[in-house]
Amino acid sequence: MTASLMKDIGTIARCAALYRDGRLEGTGLGGYQAPYVLAVCRAPGLTQDQIAQQLHVNRSSVTRQLALLEEAGFIERRRSGADRRAMEVCPTGRMQQVLPVVQGVLADWQAALTEALTQEELQALEGLLGRLAARAEAMVE
């Protein structure tokens, strides 16, 4: 049962990335970059390490994605005033412009994915997934 649960969660995550890829085509963003857009726009000035912690990915993945976003003109990185070793990440005007598109794609995906669920089923699912996510976070801290 657990293997099936993890397989299903993984399938949903991979399909979500493919969906975002298709819907973000022409924006200069890839499907795996959407979470970075949200994180950077939600809290400008986060360090790369803070982004890695928030997104639950390793630092090398963050460095790679941020380099792509910087090359495409979506972010600027600058040395932190508090810790000269740290790099703070800030959105550019280009990222601010594409943010509503990213938010719309994410909302459309969630609506399409859950449209066959009743309100009660959706609430139960959100509660259960929230508990699993909290447990997963605690296990890797």
N, C-alpha and C. Protein backbone atom coordinates (compact mmCIF):
# COMPACT_ATOMS: atom_id res chain seq x y z
N MET A 1 0.83 -1.20 0.00
CA MET A 1 0.00 0.00 0.00
C MET A 1 0.87 1.26 0.00
N THR A 2 1.91 1.31 0.85
CA THR A 2 2.77 2.49 0.92
C THR A 2 3.50 2.73 -0.40
N ALA A 3 3.97 1.65 -1.02
CA ALA A 3 4.67 1.82 -2.30
C ALA A 3 3.74 2.44 -3.33
N SER A 4 2.49 2.03 -3.33
CA SER A 4 1.52 2.59 -4.26
C SER A 4 1.27 4.07 -3.95
N LEU A 5 1.18 4.40 -2.67
CA LEU A 5 0.97 5.80 -2.27
C LEU A 5 2.12 6.67 -2.76
N MET A 6 3.35 6.24 -2.51
CA MET A 6 4.51 7.01 -2.93
C MET A 6 4.60 7.09 -4.45
N LYS A 7 4.25 5.99 -5.12
CA LYS A 7 4.25 5.99 -6.59
C LYS A 7 3.23 7.01 -7.10
N ASP A 8 2.05 7.03 -6.50
CA ASP A 8 1.01 7.97 -6.93
C ASP A 8 1.41 9.42 -6.67
N ILE A 9 2.00 9.68 -5.52
CA ILE A 9 2.45 11.04 -5.20
C ILE A 9 3.54 11.47 -6.19
N GLY A 10 4.47 10.57 -6.48
CA GLY A 10 5.52 10.86 -7.45
C GLY A 10 4.96 11.11 -8.84
N THR A 11 3.98 10.31 -9.25
CA THR A 11 3.35 10.49 -10.56
C THR A 11 2.68 11.85 -10.65
N ILE A 12 1.95 12.23 -9.61
CA ILE A 12 1.29 13.54 -9.61
C ILE A 12 2.32 14.66 -9.71
N ALA A 13 3.42 14.55 -8.97
CA ALA A 13 4.45 15.59 -8.99
C ALA A 13 5.09 15.70 -10.37
N ARG A 14 5.40 14.57 -10.99
CA ARG A 14 6.02 14.60 -12.33
C ARG A 14 5.05 15.12 -13.38
N CYS A 15 3.79 14.70 -13.30
CA CYS A 15 2.78 15.19 -14.25
C CYS A 15 2.56 16.70 -14.06
N ALA A 16 2.61 17.16 -12.83
CA ALA A 16 2.46 18.60 -12.56
C ALA A 16 3.58 19.38 -13.24
N ALA A 17 4.81 18.87 -13.15
CA ALA A 17 5.94 19.55 -13.79
C ALA A 17 5.78 19.58 -15.31
N LEU A 18 5.31 18.47 -15.88
CA LEU A 18 5.08 18.44 -17.33
C LEU A 18 3.97 19.41 -17.73
N TYR A 19 2.92 19.48 -16.94
CA TYR A 19 1.82 20.42 -17.20
C TYR A 19 2.35 21.85 -17.16
N ARG A 20 3.14 22.17 -16.12
CA ARG A 20 3.70 23.52 -16.01
C ARG A 20 4.61 23.82 -17.20
N ASP A 21 5.42 22.84 -17.60
CA ASP A 21 6.29 23.02 -18.76
C ASP A 21 5.49 23.46 -19.98
N GLY A 22 4.41 22.75 -20.25
CA GLY A 22 3.59 23.07 -21.41
C GLY A 22 2.93 24.43 -21.31
N ARG A 23 2.39 24.74 -20.13
CA ARG A 23 1.66 25.99 -19.95
C ARG A 23 2.58 27.20 -19.83
N LEU A 24 3.82 26.98 -19.44
CA LEU A 24 4.76 28.10 -19.29
C LEU A 24 5.60 28.31 -20.54
N GLU A 25 5.38 27.49 -21.55
CA GLU A 25 6.13 27.63 -22.79
C GLU A 25 5.95 29.04 -23.34
N GLY A 26 7.05 29.63 -23.73
CA GLY A 26 7.01 30.99 -24.26
C GLY A 26 7.29 32.06 -23.21
N THR A 27 7.32 31.66 -21.93
CA THR A 27 7.61 32.63 -20.87
C THR A 27 9.09 32.70 -20.54
N GLY A 28 9.84 31.69 -20.99
CA GLY A 28 11.24 31.60 -20.61
C GLY A 28 11.46 30.77 -19.37
N LEU A 29 10.38 30.24 -18.81
CA LEU A 29 10.46 29.42 -17.60
C LEU A 29 10.16 27.97 -17.92
N GLY A 30 10.75 27.07 -17.12
CA GLY A 30 10.42 25.66 -17.20
C GLY A 30 9.53 25.27 -16.03
N GLY A 31 8.93 24.11 -16.13
CA GLY A 31 8.00 23.65 -15.11
C GLY A 31 8.62 23.50 -13.73
N TYR A 32 9.89 23.14 -13.67
CA TYR A 32 10.54 22.96 -12.37
C TYR A 32 10.94 24.29 -11.74
N GLN A 33 10.84 25.38 -12.49
CA GLN A 33 11.22 26.69 -11.95
C GLN A 33 10.08 27.42 -11.27
N ALA A 34 8.85 26.96 -11.46
CA ALA A 34 7.69 27.64 -10.86
C ALA A 34 7.82 27.80 -9.34
N PRO A 35 8.25 26.77 -8.60
CA PRO A 35 8.38 26.95 -7.15
C PRO A 35 9.42 28.03 -6.78
N TYR A 36 10.44 28.17 -7.61
CA TYR A 36 11.46 29.20 -7.36
C TYR A 36 10.86 30.59 -7.56
N VAL A 37 10.03 30.74 -8.57
CA VAL A 37 9.37 32.02 -8.83
C VAL A 37 8.53 32.42 -7.61
N LEU A 38 7.75 31.47 -7.11
CA LEU A 38 6.91 31.77 -5.95
C LEU A 38 7.75 32.12 -4.73
N ALA A 39 8.79 31.35 -4.46
CA ALA A 39 9.62 31.59 -3.28
C ALA A 39 10.31 32.95 -3.35
N VAL A 40 10.88 33.28 -4.49
CA VAL A 40 11.62 34.54 -4.63
C VAL A 40 10.68 35.74 -4.59
N CYS A 41 9.53 35.63 -5.21
CA CYS A 41 8.58 36.75 -5.21
C CYS A 41 7.90 36.92 -3.86
N ARG A 42 7.69 35.83 -3.15
CA ARG A 42 7.04 35.88 -1.84
C ARG A 42 7.95 36.55 -0.81
N ALA A 43 9.25 36.32 -0.93
CA ALA A 43 10.19 36.85 0.06
C ALA A 43 11.48 37.28 -0.63
N PRO A 44 11.47 38.44 -1.30
CA PRO A 44 12.69 38.92 -1.95
C PRO A 44 13.83 39.06 -0.94
N GLY A 45 15.03 38.67 -1.36
CA GLY A 45 16.18 38.78 -0.48
C GLY A 45 16.51 37.50 0.25
N LEU A 46 15.76 36.43 0.00
CA LEU A 46 16.12 35.14 0.59
C LEU A 46 17.50 34.74 0.11
N THR A 47 18.22 34.02 0.94
CA THR A 47 19.50 33.48 0.49
C THR A 47 19.25 32.17 -0.25
N GLN A 48 20.26 31.74 -0.98
CA GLN A 48 20.15 30.47 -1.70
C GLN A 48 19.89 29.33 -0.72
N ASP A 49 20.53 29.36 0.44
CA ASP A 49 20.31 28.30 1.43
C ASP A 49 18.87 28.32 1.94
N GLN A 50 18.31 29.49 2.15
CA GLN A 50 16.93 29.58 2.61
C GLN A 50 15.96 29.04 1.56
N ILE A 51 16.25 29.32 0.30
CA ILE A 51 15.41 28.78 -0.78
C ILE A 51 15.50 27.26 -0.79
N ALA A 52 16.70 26.72 -0.64
CA ALA A 52 16.87 25.26 -0.60
C ALA A 52 16.06 24.65 0.54
N GLN A 53 16.09 25.29 1.70
CA GLN A 53 15.32 24.78 2.84
C GLN A 53 13.82 24.85 2.58
N GLN A 54 13.35 25.95 2.05
CA GLN A 54 11.91 26.11 1.78
C GLN A 54 11.40 25.12 0.75
N LEU A 55 12.18 24.87 -0.28
CA LEU A 55 11.74 24.00 -1.37
C LEU A 55 12.11 22.54 -1.15
N HIS A 56 12.89 22.27 -0.10
CA HIS A 56 13.31 20.91 0.23
C HIS A 56 14.09 20.28 -0.92
N VAL A 57 15.06 21.04 -1.42
CA VAL A 57 15.95 20.54 -2.46
C VAL A 57 17.39 20.82 -2.04
N ASN A 58 18.34 20.13 -2.67
CA ASN A 58 19.73 20.36 -2.28
C ASN A 58 20.25 21.67 -2.86
N ARG A 59 21.30 22.17 -2.25
CA ARG A 59 21.84 23.48 -2.63
C ARG A 59 22.33 23.51 -4.07
N SER A 60 22.87 22.39 -4.55
CA SER A 60 23.37 22.39 -5.93
C SER A 60 22.22 22.55 -6.92
N SER A 61 21.06 22.00 -6.61
CA SER A 61 19.89 22.19 -7.48
C SER A 61 19.46 23.65 -7.49
N VAL A 62 19.49 24.28 -6.32
CA VAL A 62 19.12 25.69 -6.22
C VAL A 62 20.11 26.53 -7.02
N THR A 63 21.38 26.27 -6.85
CA THR A 63 22.41 27.02 -7.57
C THR A 63 22.21 26.91 -9.08
N ARG A 64 21.94 25.71 -9.55
CA ARG A 64 21.74 25.47 -10.98
C ARG A 64 20.49 26.21 -11.50
N GLN A 65 19.37 26.08 -10.79
CA GLN A 65 18.14 26.75 -11.23
C GLN A 65 18.27 28.27 -11.17
N LEU A 66 18.91 28.77 -10.12
CA LEU A 66 19.07 30.22 -10.00
C LEU A 66 19.98 30.76 -11.10
N ALA A 67 21.00 29.99 -11.48
CA ALA A 67 21.87 30.42 -12.58
C ALA A 67 21.06 30.56 -13.87
N LEU A 68 20.18 29.61 -14.12
CA LEU A 68 19.32 29.68 -15.32
C LEU A 68 18.38 30.88 -15.24
N LEU A 69 17.80 31.10 -14.08
CA LEU A 69 16.88 32.23 -13.91
C LEU A 69 17.61 33.56 -14.05
N GLU A 70 18.85 33.61 -13.55
CA GLU A 70 19.64 34.84 -13.66
C GLU A 70 20.02 35.10 -15.12
N GLU A 71 20.45 34.06 -15.83
CA GLU A 71 20.81 34.20 -17.24
C GLU A 71 19.63 34.70 -18.07
N ALA A 72 18.42 34.27 -17.70
CA ALA A 72 17.21 34.65 -18.44
C ALA A 72 16.65 35.99 -17.98
N GLY A 73 17.28 36.61 -16.98
CA GLY A 73 16.85 37.93 -16.53
C GLY A 73 15.69 37.93 -15.56
N PHE A 74 15.45 36.79 -14.89
CA PHE A 74 14.35 36.71 -13.93
C PHE A 74 14.74 37.10 -12.51
N ILE A 75 16.02 36.93 -12.17
CA ILE A 75 16.47 37.25 -10.81
C ILE A 75 17.79 38.00 -10.87
N GLU A 76 18.10 38.62 -9.73
CA GLU A 76 19.42 39.20 -9.50
C GLU A 76 19.93 38.62 -8.19
N ARG A 77 21.21 38.29 -8.17
CA ARG A 77 21.83 37.81 -6.93
C ARG A 77 22.85 38.84 -6.48
N ARG A 78 22.86 39.07 -5.17
CA ARG A 78 23.83 40.03 -4.63
C ARG A 78 24.28 39.54 -3.25
N ARG A 79 25.44 40.00 -2.87
CA ARG A 79 25.99 39.62 -1.57
C ARG A 79 25.12 40.17 -0.46
N SER A 80 24.94 39.38 0.56
CA SER A 80 24.16 39.80 1.72
C SER A 80 24.94 40.82 2.52
N GLY A 81 24.25 41.84 3.00
CA GLY A 81 24.89 42.82 3.86
C GLY A 81 25.21 42.24 5.23
N ALA A 82 24.40 41.29 5.67
CA ALA A 82 24.58 40.68 6.99
C ALA A 82 25.66 39.60 6.98
N ASP A 83 25.78 38.87 5.88
CA ASP A 83 26.75 37.78 5.77
C ASP A 83 27.33 37.82 4.36
N ARG A 84 28.52 38.35 4.22
CA ARG A 84 29.13 38.56 2.90
C ARG A 84 29.32 37.25 2.13
N ARG A 85 29.26 36.11 2.82
CA ARG A 85 29.39 34.83 2.12
C ARG A 85 28.09 34.41 1.45
N ALA A 86 26.98 34.94 1.93
CA ALA A 86 25.66 34.54 1.44
C ALA A 86 25.24 35.39 0.25
N MET A 87 24.50 34.77 -0.65
CA MET A 87 23.94 35.46 -1.81
C MET A 87 22.44 35.62 -1.61
N GLU A 88 21.95 36.86 -1.69
CA GLU A 88 20.52 37.12 -1.61
C GLU A 88 19.95 37.13 -3.02
N VAL A 89 18.74 36.63 -3.15
CA VAL A 89 18.10 36.49 -4.45
C VAL A 89 16.88 37.41 -4.50
N CYS A 90 16.82 38.24 -5.53
CA CYS A 90 15.71 39.19 -5.68
C CYS A 90 15.10 39.05 -7.07
N PRO A 91 13.78 39.20 -7.16
CA PRO A 91 13.13 39.12 -8.47
C PRO A 91 13.38 40.39 -9.28
N THR A 92 13.45 40.24 -10.58
CA THR A 92 13.53 41.40 -11.47
C THR A 92 12.10 41.75 -11.90
N GLY A 93 11.99 42.83 -12.63
CA GLY A 93 10.69 43.20 -13.18
C GLY A 93 10.13 42.11 -14.07
N ARG A 94 11.02 41.42 -14.78
CA ARG A 94 10.57 40.33 -15.66
C ARG A 94 9.89 39.22 -14.85
N MET A 95 10.48 38.89 -13.69
CA MET A 95 9.87 37.85 -12.86
C MET A 95 8.53 38.33 -12.29
N GLN A 96 8.49 39.58 -11.88
CA GLN A 96 7.23 40.12 -11.35
C GLN A 96 6.13 40.07 -12.41
N GLN A 97 6.51 40.29 -13.67
CA GLN A 97 5.52 40.25 -14.76
C GLN A 97 4.99 38.85 -15.00
N VAL A 98 5.84 37.85 -14.85
CA VAL A 98 5.43 36.47 -15.14
C VAL A 98 4.77 35.80 -13.93
N LEU A 99 4.89 36.39 -12.76
CA LEU A 99 4.32 35.80 -11.54
C LEU A 99 2.83 35.49 -11.69
N PRO A 100 1.98 36.40 -12.17
CA PRO A 100 0.56 36.06 -12.31
C PRO A 100 0.31 34.88 -13.25
N VAL A 101 1.14 34.74 -14.26
CA VAL A 101 1.01 33.61 -15.19
C VAL A 101 1.30 32.31 -14.44
N VAL A 102 2.39 32.30 -13.67
CA VAL A 102 2.76 31.11 -12.90
C VAL A 102 1.66 30.77 -11.90
N GLN A 103 1.17 31.76 -11.19
CA GLN A 103 0.10 31.52 -10.22
C GLN A 103 -1.15 30.96 -10.91
N GLY A 104 -1.46 31.48 -12.08
CA GLY A 104 -2.62 30.98 -12.83
C GLY A 104 -2.45 29.54 -13.27
N VAL A 105 -1.26 29.19 -13.74
CA VAL A 105 -0.98 27.82 -14.16
C VAL A 105 -1.13 26.87 -12.98
N LEU A 106 -0.60 27.26 -11.82
CA LEU A 106 -0.70 26.41 -10.63
C LEU A 106 -2.15 26.25 -10.19
N ALA A 107 -2.90 27.32 -10.21
CA ALA A 107 -4.31 27.27 -9.83
C ALA A 107 -5.11 26.41 -10.81
N ASP A 108 -4.83 26.55 -12.10
CA ASP A 108 -5.52 25.75 -13.11
C ASP A 108 -5.24 24.26 -12.93
N TRP A 109 -3.99 23.93 -12.63
CA TRP A 109 -3.61 22.53 -12.42
C TRP A 109 -4.38 21.95 -11.23
N GLN A 110 -4.37 22.67 -10.14
CA GLN A 110 -5.06 22.17 -8.94
C GLN A 110 -6.56 22.01 -9.20
N ALA A 111 -7.15 22.98 -9.86
CA ALA A 111 -8.59 22.91 -10.15
C ALA A 111 -8.91 21.72 -11.06
N ALA A 112 -8.12 21.52 -12.10
CA ALA A 112 -8.36 20.42 -13.03
C ALA A 112 -8.14 19.07 -12.35
N LEU A 113 -7.12 19.00 -11.51
CA LEU A 113 -6.79 17.75 -10.84
C LEU A 113 -7.87 17.34 -9.84
N THR A 114 -8.46 18.31 -9.18
CA THR A 114 -9.39 18.00 -8.09
C THR A 114 -10.86 18.19 -8.47
N GLU A 115 -11.15 18.48 -9.72
CA GLU A 115 -12.53 18.80 -10.10
C GLU A 115 -13.52 17.66 -9.86
N ALA A 116 -13.07 16.42 -9.86
CA ALA A 116 -13.97 15.28 -9.65
C ALA A 116 -14.19 14.97 -8.17
N LEU A 117 -13.51 15.69 -7.29
CA LEU A 117 -13.65 15.45 -5.85
C LEU A 117 -14.77 16.30 -5.27
N THR A 118 -15.45 15.75 -4.29
CA THR A 118 -16.43 16.55 -3.55
C THR A 118 -15.68 17.48 -2.61
N GLN A 119 -16.36 18.46 -2.07
CA GLN A 119 -15.74 19.39 -1.13
C GLN A 119 -15.22 18.63 0.09
N GLU A 120 -15.98 17.65 0.55
CA GLU A 120 -15.56 16.86 1.71
C GLU A 120 -14.31 16.04 1.39
N GLU A 121 -14.27 15.44 0.20
CA GLU A 121 -13.10 14.67 -0.20
C GLU A 121 -11.88 15.57 -0.32
N LEU A 122 -12.06 16.74 -0.88
CA LEU A 122 -10.96 17.68 -1.03
C LEU A 122 -10.42 18.12 0.32
N GLN A 123 -11.30 18.43 1.25
CA GLN A 123 -10.87 18.83 2.59
C GLN A 123 -10.13 17.69 3.29
N ALA A 124 -10.65 16.47 3.16
CA ALA A 124 -9.98 15.31 3.77
C ALA A 124 -8.60 15.10 3.15
N LEU A 125 -8.53 15.19 1.83
CA LEU A 125 -7.26 15.02 1.13
C LEU A 125 -6.24 16.07 1.56
N GLU A 126 -6.67 17.33 1.61
CA GLU A 126 -5.76 18.40 2.04
C GLU A 126 -5.26 18.16 3.46
N GLY A 127 -6.13 17.73 4.34
CA GLY A 127 -5.73 17.46 5.72
C GLY A 127 -4.73 16.32 5.81
N LEU A 128 -5.00 15.24 5.11
CA LEU A 128 -4.10 14.08 5.13
C LEU A 128 -2.75 14.40 4.50
N LEU A 129 -2.77 15.06 3.35
CA LEU A 129 -1.51 15.42 2.70
C LEU A 129 -0.71 16.41 3.55
N GLY A 130 -1.40 17.32 4.21
CA GLY A 130 -0.72 18.25 5.11
C GLY A 130 -0.01 17.52 6.24
N ARG A 131 -0.67 16.52 6.78
CA ARG A 131 -0.04 15.73 7.85
C ARG A 131 1.16 14.96 7.33
N LEU A 132 1.03 14.37 6.14
CA LEU A 132 2.16 13.65 5.56
C LEU A 132 3.32 14.59 5.26
N ALA A 133 3.02 15.77 4.74
CA ALA A 133 4.08 16.74 4.43
C ALA A 133 4.80 17.18 5.69
N ALA A 134 4.06 17.44 6.76
CA ALA A 134 4.68 17.85 8.03
C ALA A 134 5.58 16.74 8.56
N ARG A 135 5.12 15.51 8.47
CA ARG A 135 5.93 14.38 8.93
C ARG A 135 7.18 14.22 8.08
N ALA A 136 7.03 14.37 6.77
CA ALA A 136 8.19 14.25 5.88
C ALA A 136 9.22 15.33 6.20
N GLU A 137 8.76 16.56 6.43
CA GLU A 137 9.69 17.65 6.77
C GLU A 137 10.42 17.35 8.07
N ALA A 138 9.70 16.84 9.05
CA ALA A 138 10.33 16.52 10.34
C ALA A 138 11.38 15.42 10.19
N MET A 139 11.15 14.50 9.28
CA MET A 139 12.07 13.39 9.09
C MET A 139 13.38 13.79 8.42
N VAL A 140 13.38 14.88 7.67
CA VAL A 140 14.60 15.28 6.98
C VAL A 140 15.31 16.46 7.63
N GLU A 141 14.75 16.99 8.68
CA GLU A 141 15.41 18.12 9.37
C GLU A 141 16.54 17.64 10.23
